[in-house]
């Protein structure tokens, strides 16, 4: 009686073994790239440099720098808006760097696999 499916001898064929090795190598490279990204810093400013924010590659706010003339007790709302704008831009830079690494690792497949 013939076996259904599987491979002769019950082992993985050479191509499957190579595919697994490639996947493991790619996973190690992605982990190394992620660690490298986490050590990077991304800085953005708003209001012509009145507010400067630095975030890490792991998307944590590291520093907020305010120009003295940005601190107007009569216009706290403007300062808040500038901080939000600078944080969002710095986070955007970190996200773009992360996406670029994923794109490089996946060869442009969009970062996900259909399985």
PDB file of N, CA and C in Angstrom:
ATOM      1  N   UNK A   1       0.834  -1.170   0.000  1.00  0.00           N
ATOM      2  CA  UNK A   1       0.000   0.000   0.000  1.00  0.00           C
ATOM      3  C   UNK A   1       0.883   1.239   0.000  1.00  0.00           C
ATOM      4  N   UNK A   2       0.578   2.177  -0.851  1.00  0.00           N
ATOM      5  CA  UNK A   2       1.380   3.391  -0.978  1.00  0.00           C
ATOM      6  C   UNK A   2       1.056   4.355   0.161  1.00  0.00           C
ATOM      7  N   UNK A   3       2.096   5.035   0.615  1.00  0.00           N
ATOM      8  CA  UNK A   3       1.895   6.052   1.650  1.00  0.00           C
ATOM      9  C   UNK A   3       1.334   7.304   1.013  1.00  0.00           C
ATOM     10  N   UNK A   4       0.532   8.001   1.761  1.00  0.00           N
ATOM     11  CA  UNK A   4      -0.006   9.262   1.257  1.00  0.00           C
ATOM     12  C   UNK A   4       0.778  10.398   1.896  1.00  0.00           C
ATOM     13  N   UNK A   5       1.227  11.321   1.067  1.00  0.00           N
ATOM     14  CA  UNK A   5       1.953  12.486   1.570  1.00  0.00           C
ATOM     15  C   UNK A   5       3.291  12.085   2.145  1.00  0.00           C
ATOM     16  N   UNK A   6       3.943  12.994   2.792  1.00  0.00           N
ATOM     17  CA  UNK A   6       5.218  12.705   3.424  1.00  0.00           C
ATOM     18  C   UNK A   6       6.332  12.588   2.408  1.00  0.00           C
ATOM     19  N   UNK A   7       7.482  12.220   2.916  1.00  0.00           N
ATOM     20  CA  UNK A   7       8.656  12.084   2.076  1.00  0.00           C
ATOM     21  C   UNK A   7       9.260  10.707   2.302  1.00  0.00           C
ATOM     22  N   UNK A   8       9.897  10.162   1.284  1.00  0.00           N
ATOM     23  CA  UNK A   8      10.504   8.839   1.439  1.00  0.00           C
ATOM     24  C   UNK A   8      11.470   8.827   2.615  1.00  0.00           C
ATOM     25  N   UNK A   9      11.387   7.823   3.438  1.00  0.00           N
ATOM     26  CA  UNK A   9      12.291   7.712   4.580  1.00  0.00           C
ATOM     27  C   UNK A   9      11.840   8.547   5.768  1.00  0.00           C
ATOM     28  N   UNK A  10      10.805   9.342   5.621  1.00  0.00           N
ATOM     29  CA  UNK A  10      10.276  10.112   6.733  1.00  0.00           C
ATOM     30  C   UNK A  10      11.059  11.362   7.086  1.00  0.00           C
ATOM     31  N   UNK A  11      12.171  11.647   6.408  1.00  0.00           N
ATOM     32  CA  UNK A  11      12.978  12.829   6.724  1.00  0.00           C
ATOM     33  C   UNK A  11      12.548  14.034   5.926  1.00  0.00           C
ATOM     34  N   UNK A  12      13.113  15.190   6.275  1.00  0.00           N
ATOM     35  CA  UNK A  12      12.812  16.406   5.516  1.00  0.00           C
ATOM     36  C   UNK A  12      13.683  16.424   4.262  1.00  0.00           C
ATOM     37  N   UNK A  13      13.136  16.852   3.167  1.00  0.00           N
ATOM     38  CA  UNK A  13      13.962  16.967   1.972  1.00  0.00           C
ATOM     39  C   UNK A  13      14.978  18.093   2.148  1.00  0.00           C
ATOM     40  N   UNK A  14      16.008  18.084   1.327  1.00  0.00           N
ATOM     41  CA  UNK A  14      17.068  19.090   1.410  1.00  0.00           C
ATOM     42  C   UNK A  14      16.549  20.504   1.317  1.00  0.00           C
ATOM     43  N   UNK A  15      15.587  20.754   0.436  1.00  0.00           N
ATOM     44  CA  UNK A  15      15.063  22.106   0.276  1.00  0.00           C
ATOM     45  C   UNK A  15      14.379  22.605   1.539  1.00  0.00           C
ATOM     46  N   UNK A  16      13.661  21.750   2.218  1.00  0.00           N
ATOM     47  CA  UNK A  16      12.964  22.140   3.443  1.00  0.00           C
ATOM     48  C   UNK A  16      13.988  22.449   4.538  1.00  0.00           C
ATOM     49  N   UNK A  17      15.021  21.643   4.618  1.00  0.00           N
ATOM     50  CA  UNK A  17      16.073  21.863   5.609  1.00  0.00           C
ATOM     51  C   UNK A  17      16.770  23.203   5.353  1.00  0.00           C
ATOM     52  N   UNK A  18      17.061  23.477   4.099  1.00  0.00           N
ATOM     53  CA  UNK A  18      17.690  24.753   3.747  1.00  0.00           C
ATOM     54  C   UNK A  18      16.768  25.925   4.065  1.00  0.00           C
ATOM     55  N   UNK A  19      15.483  25.749   3.811  1.00  0.00           N
ATOM     56  CA  UNK A  19      14.509  26.798   4.102  1.00  0.00           C
ATOM     57  C   UNK A  19      14.464  27.094   5.600  1.00  0.00           C
ATOM     58  N   UNK A  20      14.501  26.056   6.412  1.00  0.00           N
ATOM     59  CA  UNK A  20      14.502  26.243   7.868  1.00  0.00           C
ATOM     60  C   UNK A  20      15.765  26.977   8.320  1.00  0.00           C
ATOM     61  N   UNK A  21      16.903  26.618   7.757  1.00  0.00           N
ATOM     62  CA  UNK A  21      18.157  27.293   8.109  1.00  0.00           C
ATOM     63  C   UNK A  21      18.109  28.762   7.713  1.00  0.00           C
ATOM     64  N   UNK A  22      17.553  29.048   6.542  1.00  0.00           N
ATOM     65  CA  UNK A  22      17.425  30.436   6.093  1.00  0.00           C
ATOM     66  C   UNK A  22      16.501  31.225   7.016  1.00  0.00           C
ATOM     67  N   UNK A  23      15.410  30.607   7.430  1.00  0.00           N
ATOM     68  CA  UNK A  23      14.464  31.277   8.325  1.00  0.00           C
ATOM     69  C   UNK A  23      15.117  31.578   9.671  1.00  0.00           C
ATOM     70  N   UNK A  24      15.901  30.643  10.183  1.00  0.00           N
ATOM     71  CA  UNK A  24      16.595  30.864  11.450  1.00  0.00           C
ATOM     72  C   UNK A  24      17.634  31.976  11.315  1.00  0.00           C
ATOM     73  N   UNK A  25      18.359  31.983  10.204  1.00  0.00           N
ATOM     74  CA  UNK A  25      19.362  33.024   9.957  1.00  0.00           C
ATOM     75  C   UNK A  25      18.680  34.393   9.851  1.00  0.00           C
ATOM     76  N   UNK A  26      17.562  34.428   9.153  1.00  0.00           N
ATOM     77  CA  UNK A  26      16.815  35.675   9.002  1.00  0.00           C
ATOM     78  C   UNK A  26      16.298  36.156  10.352  1.00  0.00           C
ATOM     79  N   UNK A  27      15.842  35.248  11.191  1.00  0.00           N
ATOM     80  CA  UNK A  27      15.358  35.626  12.519  1.00  0.00           C
ATOM     81  C   UNK A  27      16.499  36.210  13.346  1.00  0.00           C
ATOM     82  N   UNK A  28      17.681  35.619  13.301  1.00  0.00           N
ATOM     83  CA  UNK A  28      18.834  36.158  14.033  1.00  0.00           C
ATOM     84  C   UNK A  28      19.189  37.550  13.529  1.00  0.00           C
ATOM     85  N   UNK A  29      19.168  37.727  12.211  1.00  0.00           N
ATOM     86  CA  UNK A  29      19.476  39.037  11.635  1.00  0.00           C
ATOM     87  C   UNK A  29      18.446  40.076  12.065  1.00  0.00           C
ATOM     88  N   UNK A  30      17.180  39.692  12.105  1.00  0.00           N
ATOM     89  CA  UNK A  30      16.129  40.621  12.526  1.00  0.00           C
ATOM     90  C   UNK A  30      16.306  41.005  13.992  1.00  0.00           C
ATOM     91  N   UNK A  31      16.662  40.038  14.836  1.00  0.00           N
ATOM     92  CA  UNK A  31      16.886  40.328  16.251  1.00  0.00           C
ATOM     93  C   UNK A  31      18.065  41.279  16.422  1.00  0.00           C
ATOM     94  N   UNK A  32      19.152  41.048  15.676  1.00  0.00           N
ATOM     95  CA  UNK A  32      20.317  41.922  15.743  1.00  0.00           C
ATOM     96  C   UNK A  32      19.971  43.331  15.256  1.00  0.00           C
ATOM     97  N   UNK A  33      19.213  43.412  14.181  1.00  0.00           N
ATOM     98  CA  UNK A  33      18.808  44.712  13.649  1.00  0.00           C
ATOM     99  C   UNK A  33      17.915  45.447  14.636  1.00  0.00           C
ATOM    100  N   UNK A  34      17.023  44.714  15.296  1.00  0.00           N
ATOM    101  CA  UNK A  34      16.131  45.328  16.281  1.00  0.00           C
ATOM    102  C   UNK A  34      16.935  45.876  17.447  1.00  0.00           C
ATOM    103  N   UNK A  35      17.925  45.122  17.916  1.00  0.00           N
ATOM    104  CA  UNK A  35      18.774  45.593  19.016  1.00  0.00           C
ATOM    105  C   UNK A  35      19.536  46.849  18.592  1.00  0.00           C
ATOM    106  N   UNK A  36      20.044  46.842  17.359  1.00  0.00           N
ATOM    107  CA  UNK A  36      20.760  48.003  16.850  1.00  0.00           C
ATOM    108  C   UNK A  36      19.836  49.216  16.769  1.00  0.00           C
ATOM    109  N   UNK A  37      18.620  49.003  16.303  1.00  0.00           N
ATOM    110  CA  UNK A  37      17.644  50.089  16.198  1.00  0.00           C
ATOM    111  C   UNK A  37      17.347  50.683  17.576  1.00  0.00           C
ATOM    112  N   UNK A  38      17.236  49.825  18.588  1.00  0.00           N
ATOM    113  CA  UNK A  38      16.912  50.300  19.929  1.00  0.00           C
ATOM    114  C   UNK A  38      17.994  51.207  20.497  1.00  0.00           C
ATOM    115  N   UNK A  39      19.213  51.107  20.012  1.00  0.00           N
ATOM    116  CA  UNK A  39      20.294  51.963  20.511  1.00  0.00           C
ATOM    117  C   UNK A  39      20.340  53.310  19.798  1.00  0.00           C
ATOM    118  N   UNK A  40      19.609  53.440  18.706  1.00  0.00           N
ATOM    119  CA  UNK A  40      19.614  54.688  17.953  1.00  0.00           C
ATOM    120  C   UNK A  40      18.683  55.711  18.596  1.00  0.00           C
ATOM    121  N   UNK A  41      18.965  56.975  18.300  1.00  0.00           N
ATOM    122  CA  UNK A  41      18.127  58.064  18.782  1.00  0.00           C
ATOM    123  C   UNK A  41      17.635  58.871  17.597  1.00  0.00           C
ATOM    124  N   UNK A  42      16.398  59.368  17.715  1.00  0.00           N
ATOM    125  CA  UNK A  42      15.768  60.163  16.667  1.00  0.00           C
ATOM    126  C   UNK A  42      15.307  61.473  17.295  1.00  0.00           C
ATOM    127  N   UNK A  43      15.744  62.584  16.692  1.00  0.00           N
ATOM    128  CA  UNK A  43      15.429  63.898  17.233  1.00  0.00           C
ATOM    129  C   UNK A  43      14.639  64.685  16.208  1.00  0.00           C
ATOM    130  N   UNK A  44      13.595  65.352  16.685  1.00  0.00           N
ATOM    131  CA  UNK A  44      12.781  66.210  15.826  1.00  0.00           C
ATOM    132  C   UNK A  44      12.471  67.483  16.605  1.00  0.00           C
ATOM    133  N   UNK A  45      12.239  68.547  15.849  1.00  0.00           N
ATOM    134  CA  UNK A  45      11.906  69.813  16.507  1.00  0.00           C
ATOM    135  C   UNK A  45      10.638  70.384  15.902  1.00  0.00           C
ATOM    136  N   UNK A  46      10.063  71.322  16.624  1.00  0.00           N
ATOM    137  CA  UNK A  46       8.858  72.008  16.169  1.00  0.00           C
ATOM    138  C   UNK A  46       8.980  73.471  16.584  1.00  0.00           C
ATOM    139  N   UNK A  47       8.214  74.307  15.906  1.00  0.00           N
ATOM    140  CA  UNK A  47       8.219  75.724  16.229  1.00  0.00           C
ATOM    141  C   UNK A  47       9.553  76.381  15.937  1.00  0.00           C
ATOM    142  N   UNK A  48      10.174  75.985  14.830  1.00  0.00           N
ATOM    143  CA  UNK A  48      11.456  76.580  14.462  1.00  0.00           C
ATOM    144  C   UNK A  48      12.555  76.282  15.459  1.00  0.00           C
ATOM    145  N   UNK A  49      12.487  75.139  16.126  1.00  0.00           N
ATOM    146  CA  UNK A  49      13.500  74.753  17.097  1.00  0.00           C
ATOM    147  C   UNK A  49      13.141  75.128  18.525  1.00  0.00           C
ATOM    148  N   UNK A  50      11.954  75.680  18.741  1.00  0.00           N
ATOM    149  CA  UNK A  50      11.532  76.051  20.090  1.00  0.00           C
ATOM    150  C   UNK A  50      11.395  74.821  20.989  1.00  0.00           C
ATOM    151  N   UNK A  51      10.994  73.702  20.398  1.00  0.00           N
ATOM    152  CA  UNK A  51      10.854  72.446  21.132  1.00  0.00           C
ATOM    153  C   UNK A  51      11.608  71.376  20.361  1.00  0.00           C
ATOM    154  N   UNK A  52      12.430  70.626  21.083  1.00  0.00           N
ATOM    155  CA  UNK A  52      13.178  69.531  20.464  1.00  0.00           C
ATOM    156  C   UNK A  52      12.960  68.289  21.315  1.00  0.00           C
ATOM    157  N   UNK A  53      12.612  67.180  20.654  1.00  0.00           N
ATOM    158  CA  UNK A  53      12.339  65.933  21.358  1.00  0.00           C
ATOM    159  C   UNK A  53      13.213  64.841  20.762  1.00  0.00           C
ATOM    160  N   UNK A  54      13.776  64.026  21.649  1.00  0.00           N
ATOM    161  CA  UNK A  54      14.578  62.885  21.224  1.00  0.00           C
ATOM    162  C   UNK A  54      13.925  61.619  21.753  1.00  0.00           C
ATOM    163  N   UNK A  55      13.730  60.642  20.840  1.00  0.00           N
ATOM    164  CA  UNK A  55      13.176  59.342  21.227  1.00  0.00           C
ATOM    165  C   UNK A  55      14.170  58.261  20.851  1.00  0.00           C
ATOM    166  N   UNK A  56      14.045  57.130  21.517  1.00  0.00           N
ATOM    167  CA  UNK A  56      14.901  55.984  21.209  1.00  0.00           C
ATOM    168  C   UNK A  56      14.261  55.151  20.112  1.00  0.00           C
ATOM    169  N   UNK A  57      15.036  54.233  19.569  1.00  0.00           N
ATOM    170  CA  UNK A  57      14.507  53.313  18.574  1.00  0.00           C
ATOM    171  C   UNK A  57      13.433  52.413  19.140  1.00  0.00           C
ATOM    172  N   UNK A  58      13.392  52.267  20.468  1.00  0.00           N
ATOM    173  CA  UNK A  58      12.331  51.485  21.100  1.00  0.00           C
ATOM    174  C   UNK A  58      11.144  52.378  21.450  1.00  0.00           C
ATOM    175  N   UNK A  59      11.159  53.596  20.900  1.00  0.00           N
ATOM    176  CA  UNK A  59      10.043  54.544  20.953  1.00  0.00           C
ATOM    177  C   UNK A  59       9.739  55.043  22.363  1.00  0.00           C
ATOM    178  N   UNK A  60      10.801  55.327  23.104  1.00  0.00           N
ATOM    179  CA  UNK A  60      10.662  55.950  24.406  1.00  0.00           C
ATOM    180  C   UNK A  60      11.196  57.376  24.300  1.00  0.00           C
ATOM    181  N   UNK A  61      10.499  58.327  24.910  1.00  0.00           N
ATOM    182  CA  UNK A  61      10.968  59.708  24.913  1.00  0.00           C
ATOM    183  C   UNK A  61      12.174  59.777  25.851  1.00  0.00           C
ATOM    184  N   UNK A  62      13.298  60.250  25.311  1.00  0.00           N
ATOM    185  CA  UNK A  62      14.525  60.349  26.095  1.00  0.00           C
ATOM    186  C   UNK A  62      14.753  61.757  26.634  1.00  0.00           C
ATOM    187  N   UNK A  63      14.495  62.750  25.775  1.00  0.00           N
ATOM    188  CA  UNK A  63      14.746  64.137  26.156  1.00  0.00           C
ATOM    189  C   UNK A  63      13.723  65.062  25.529  1.00  0.00           C
ATOM    190  N   UNK A  64      13.416  66.118  26.266  1.00  0.00           N
ATOM    191  CA  UNK A  64      12.619  67.218  25.741  1.00  0.00           C
ATOM    192  C   UNK A  64      13.411  68.477  26.050  1.00  0.00           C
ATOM    193  N   UNK A  65      13.732  69.229  25.016  1.00  0.00           N
ATOM    194  CA  UNK A  65      14.507  70.457  25.179  1.00  0.00           C
ATOM    195  C   UNK A  65      13.633  71.638  24.744  1.00  0.00           C
ATOM    196  N   UNK A  66      13.532  72.627  25.611  1.00  0.00           N
ATOM    197  CA  UNK A  66      12.700  73.798  25.329  1.00  0.00           C
ATOM    198  C   UNK A  66      13.575  75.046  25.247  1.00  0.00           C
ATOM    199  N   UNK A  67      13.356  75.843  24.230  1.00  0.00           N
ATOM    200  CA  UNK A  67      14.024  77.140  24.149  1.00  0.00           C
ATOM    201  C   UNK A  67      13.363  78.061  25.166  1.00  0.00           C
ATOM    202  N   UNK A  68      14.148  78.922  25.778  1.00  0.00           N
ATOM    203  CA  UNK A  68      13.602  79.805  26.817  1.00  0.00           C
ATOM    204  C   UNK A  68      12.433  80.636  26.308  1.00  0.00           C
ATOM    205  N   UNK A  69      12.524  81.094  25.070  1.00  0.00           N
ATOM    206  CA  UNK A  69      11.436  81.937  24.558  1.00  0.00           C
ATOM    207  C   UNK A  69      10.170  81.140  24.229  1.00  0.00           C
ATOM    208  N   UNK A  70      10.252  79.815  24.297  1.00  0.00           N
ATOM    209  CA  UNK A  70       9.064  78.988  24.052  1.00  0.00           C
ATOM    210  C   UNK A  70       8.182  78.905  25.286  1.00  0.00           C
ATOM    211  N   UNK A  71       8.739  79.245  26.433  1.00  0.00           N
ATOM    212  CA  UNK A  71       8.011  79.130  27.685  1.00  0.00           C
ATOM    213  C   UNK A  71       7.322  80.465  27.984  1.00  0.00           C
ATOM    214  N   UNK A  72       6.077  80.560  27.567  1.00  0.00           N
ATOM    215  CA  UNK A  72       5.267  81.755  27.785  1.00  0.00           C
ATOM    216  C   UNK A  72       4.089  81.357  28.659  1.00  0.00           C
ATOM    217  N   UNK A  73       4.080  81.812  29.928  1.00  0.00           N
ATOM    218  CA  UNK A  73       2.990  81.427  30.832  1.00  0.00           C
ATOM    219  C   UNK A  73       1.608  81.807  30.306  1.00  0.00           C
ATOM    220  N   UNK A  74       1.573  82.755  29.406  1.00  0.00           N
ATOM    221  CA  UNK A  74       0.293  83.187  28.849  1.00  0.00           C
ATOM    222  C   UNK A  74      -0.179  82.276  27.713  1.00  0.00           C
ATOM    223  N   UNK A  75       0.728  81.418  27.202  1.00  0.00           N
ATOM    224  CA  UNK A  75       0.368  80.587  26.044  1.00  0.00           C
ATOM    225  C   UNK A  75       0.879  79.152  26.227  1.00  0.00           C
ATOM    226  N   UNK A  76       0.442  78.524  27.300  1.00  0.00           N
ATOM    227  CA  UNK A  76       0.824  77.139  27.586  1.00  0.00           C
ATOM    228  C   UNK A  76       0.323  76.204  26.489  1.00  0.00           C
ATOM    229  N   UNK A  77      -0.832  76.479  25.934  1.00  0.00           N
ATOM    230  CA  UNK A  77      -1.414  75.620  24.906  1.00  0.00           C
ATOM    231  C   UNK A  77      -0.503  75.505  23.688  1.00  0.00           C
ATOM    232  N   UNK A  78       0.127  76.610  23.294  1.00  0.00           N
ATOM    233  CA  UNK A  78       1.046  76.585  22.152  1.00  0.00           C
ATOM    234  C   UNK A  78       2.236  75.677  22.448  1.00  0.00           C
ATOM    235  N   UNK A  79       2.789  75.763  23.641  1.00  0.00           N
ATOM    236  CA  UNK A  79       3.913  74.914  24.030  1.00  0.00           C
ATOM    237  C   UNK A  79       3.501  73.447  24.013  1.00  0.00           C
ATOM    238  N   UNK A  80       2.339  73.144  24.515  1.00  0.00           N
ATOM    239  CA  UNK A  80       1.852  71.767  24.503  1.00  0.00           C
ATOM    240  C   UNK A  80       1.725  71.241  23.075  1.00  0.00           C
ATOM    241  N   UNK A  81       1.197  72.057  22.190  1.00  0.00           N
ATOM    242  CA  UNK A  81       1.052  71.654  20.790  1.00  0.00           C
ATOM    243  C   UNK A  81       2.411  71.407  20.142  1.00  0.00           C
ATOM    244  N   UNK A  82       3.395  72.247  20.455  1.00  0.00           N
ATOM    245  CA  UNK A  82       4.732  72.076  19.897  1.00  0.00           C
ATOM    246  C   UNK A  82       5.373  70.787  20.399  1.00  0.00           C
ATOM    247  N   UNK A  83       5.178  70.476  21.666  1.00  0.00           N
ATOM    248  CA  UNK A  83       5.730  69.233  22.219  1.00  0.00           C
ATOM    249  C   UNK A  83       5.099  68.030  21.529  1.00  0.00           C
ATOM    250  N   UNK A  84       3.794  68.045  21.382  1.00  0.00           N
ATOM    251  CA  UNK A  84       3.106  66.935  20.707  1.00  0.00           C
ATOM    252  C   UNK A  84       3.621  66.784  19.277  1.00  0.00           C
ATOM    253  N   UNK A  85       3.773  67.892  18.565  1.00  0.00           N
ATOM    254  CA  UNK A  85       4.244  67.841  17.177  1.00  0.00           C
ATOM    255  C   UNK A  85       5.660  67.265  17.098  1.00  0.00           C
ATOM    256  N   UNK A  86       6.542  67.689  17.994  1.00  0.00           N
ATOM    257  CA  UNK A  86       7.920  67.194  17.976  1.00  0.00           C
ATOM    258  C   UNK A  86       7.976  65.712  18.347  1.00  0.00           C
ATOM    259  N   UNK A  87       7.200  65.293  19.347  1.00  0.00           N
ATOM    260  CA  UNK A  87       7.173  63.882  19.739  1.00  0.00           C
ATOM    261  C   UNK A  87       6.664  63.029  18.577  1.00  0.00           C
ATOM    262  N   UNK A  88       5.590  63.463  17.956  1.00  0.00           N
ATOM    263  CA  UNK A  88       5.032  62.692  16.838  1.00  0.00           C
ATOM    264  C   UNK A  88       6.020  62.569  15.684  1.00  0.00           C
ATOM    265  N   UNK A  89       6.739  63.619  15.370  1.00  0.00           N
ATOM    266  CA  UNK A  89       7.719  63.567  14.279  1.00  0.00           C
ATOM    267  C   UNK A  89       8.881  62.648  14.631  1.00  0.00           C
ATOM    268  N   UNK A  90       9.377  62.719  15.858  1.00  0.00           N
ATOM    269  CA  UNK A  90      10.471  61.842  16.267  1.00  0.00           C
ATOM    270  C   UNK A  90      10.022  60.381  16.250  1.00  0.00           C
ATOM    271  N   UNK A  91       8.809  60.118  16.703  1.00  0.00           N
ATOM    272  CA  UNK A  91       8.269  58.752  16.662  1.00  0.00           C
ATOM    273  C   UNK A  91       8.124  58.272  15.219  1.00  0.00           C
ATOM    274  N   UNK A  92       7.710  59.163  14.344  1.00  0.00           N
ATOM    275  CA  UNK A  92       7.580  58.837  12.926  1.00  0.00           C
ATOM    276  C   UNK A  92       8.943  58.437  12.341  1.00  0.00           C
ATOM    277  N   UNK A  93       9.985  59.165  12.711  1.00  0.00           N
ATOM    278  CA  UNK A  93      11.337  58.844  12.239  1.00  0.00           C
ATOM    279  C   UNK A  93      11.754  57.456  12.727  1.00  0.00           C
ATOM    280  N   UNK A  94      11.477  57.152  13.996  1.00  0.00           N
ATOM    281  CA  UNK A  94      11.817  55.844  14.546  1.00  0.00           C
ATOM    282  C   UNK A  94      11.039  54.745  13.836  1.00  0.00           C
ATOM    283  N   UNK A  95       9.770  54.983  13.558  1.00  0.00           N
ATOM    284  CA  UNK A  95       8.931  54.000  12.861  1.00  0.00           C
ATOM    285  C   UNK A  95       9.437  53.763  11.433  1.00  0.00           C
ATOM    286  N   UNK A  96       9.837  54.831  10.751  1.00  0.00           N
ATOM    287  CA  UNK A  96      10.372  54.684   9.394  1.00  0.00           C
ATOM    288  C   UNK A  96      11.649  53.860   9.401  1.00  0.00           C
ATOM    289  N   UNK A  97      12.518  54.085  10.379  1.00  0.00           N
ATOM    290  CA  UNK A  97      13.755  53.303  10.472  1.00  0.00           C
ATOM    291  C   UNK A  97      13.443  51.837  10.727  1.00  0.00           C
ATOM    292  N   UNK A  98      12.466  51.584  11.583  1.00  0.00           N
ATOM    293  CA  UNK A  98      12.059  50.209  11.868  1.00  0.00           C
ATOM    294  C   UNK A  98      11.487  49.541  10.618  1.00  0.00           C
ATOM    295  N   UNK A  99      10.641  50.260   9.893  1.00  0.00           N
ATOM    296  CA  UNK A  99      10.046  49.716   8.662  1.00  0.00           C
ATOM    297  C   UNK A  99      11.113  49.449   7.610  1.00  0.00           C
ATOM    298  N   UNK A 100      12.117  50.326   7.543  1.00  0.00           N
ATOM    299  CA  UNK A 100      13.196  50.128   6.568  1.00  0.00           C
ATOM    300  C   UNK A 100      13.976  48.851   6.878  1.00  0.00           C
ATOM    301  N   UNK A 101      14.197  48.584   8.148  1.00  0.00           N
ATOM    302  CA  UNK A 101      14.899  47.356   8.546  1.00  0.00           C
ATOM    303  C   UNK A 101      14.062  46.139   8.186  1.00  0.00           C
ATOM    304  N   UNK A 102      12.769  46.196   8.478  1.00  0.00           N
ATOM    305  CA  UNK A 102      11.896  45.068   8.148  1.00  0.00           C
ATOM    306  C   UNK A 102      11.838  44.844   6.647  1.00  0.00           C
ATOM    307  N   UNK A 103      11.769  45.919   5.882  1.00  0.00           N
ATOM    308  CA  UNK A 103      11.723  45.816   4.429  1.00  0.00           C
ATOM    309  C   UNK A 103      13.006  45.181   3.898  1.00  0.00           C
ATOM    310  N   UNK A 104      14.117  45.570   4.474  1.00  0.00           N
ATOM    311  CA  UNK A 104      15.411  45.005   4.062  1.00  0.00           C
ATOM    312  C   UNK A 104      15.467  43.511   4.380  1.00  0.00           C
ATOM    313  N   UNK A 105      14.956  43.137   5.555  1.00  0.00           N
ATOM    314  CA  UNK A 105      15.002  41.737   5.981  1.00  0.00           C
ATOM    315  C   UNK A 105      14.054  40.856   5.175  1.00  0.00           C
ATOM    316  N   UNK A 106      12.896  41.396   4.826  1.00  0.00           N
ATOM    317  CA  UNK A 106      11.882  40.576   4.146  1.00  0.00           C
ATOM    318  C   UNK A 106      11.934  40.719   2.637  1.00  0.00           C
ATOM    319  N   UNK A 107      12.861  41.509   2.154  1.00  0.00           N
ATOM    320  CA  UNK A 107      12.987  41.665   0.714  1.00  0.00           C
ATOM    321  C   UNK A 107      11.812  42.374   0.079  1.00  0.00           C
ATOM    322  N   UNK A 108      11.125  43.225   0.824  1.00  0.00           N
ATOM    323  CA  UNK A 108      10.021  43.990   0.277  1.00  0.00           C
ATOM    324  C   UNK A 108       8.686  43.281   0.319  1.00  0.00           C
ATOM    325  N   UNK A 109       8.586  42.189   1.088  1.00  0.00           N
ATOM    326  CA  UNK A 109       7.320  41.477   1.172  1.00  0.00           C
ATOM    327  C   UNK A 109       6.333  42.146   2.105  1.00  0.00           C
ATOM    328  N   UNK A 110       6.656  43.307   2.650  1.00  0.00           N
ATOM    329  CA  UNK A 110       5.736  44.020   3.515  1.00  0.00           C
ATOM    330  C   UNK A 110       5.830  43.643   4.969  1.00  0.00           C
ATOM    331  N   UNK A 111       6.822  42.843   5.336  1.00  0.00           N
ATOM    332  CA  UNK A 111       7.048  42.526   6.731  1.00  0.00           C
ATOM    333  C   UNK A 111       6.248  41.361   7.264  1.00  0.00           C
ATOM    334  N   UNK A 112       5.313  40.845   6.516  1.00  0.00           N
ATOM    335  CA  UNK A 112       4.510  39.730   7.021  1.00  0.00           C
ATOM    336  C   UNK A 112       4.506  38.570   6.060  1.00  0.00           C
ATOM    337  N   UNK A 113       4.236  37.433   6.602  1.00  0.00           N
ATOM    338  CA  UNK A 113       4.135  36.241   5.778  1.00  0.00           C
ATOM    339  C   UNK A 113       2.689  35.765   5.803  1.00  0.00           C
ATOM    340  N   UNK A 114       2.185  35.205   4.736  1.00  0.00           N
ATOM    341  CA  UNK A 114       0.774  34.829   4.665  1.00  0.00           C
ATOM    342  C   UNK A 114       0.435  33.537   5.397  1.00  0.00           C
ATOM    343  N   UNK A 115       1.289  33.038   6.261  1.00  0.00           N
ATOM    344  CA  UNK A 115       0.955  31.805   6.972  1.00  0.00           C
ATOM    345  C   UNK A 115       1.006  32.007   8.457  1.00  0.00           C
TER     346      UNK A 115
END
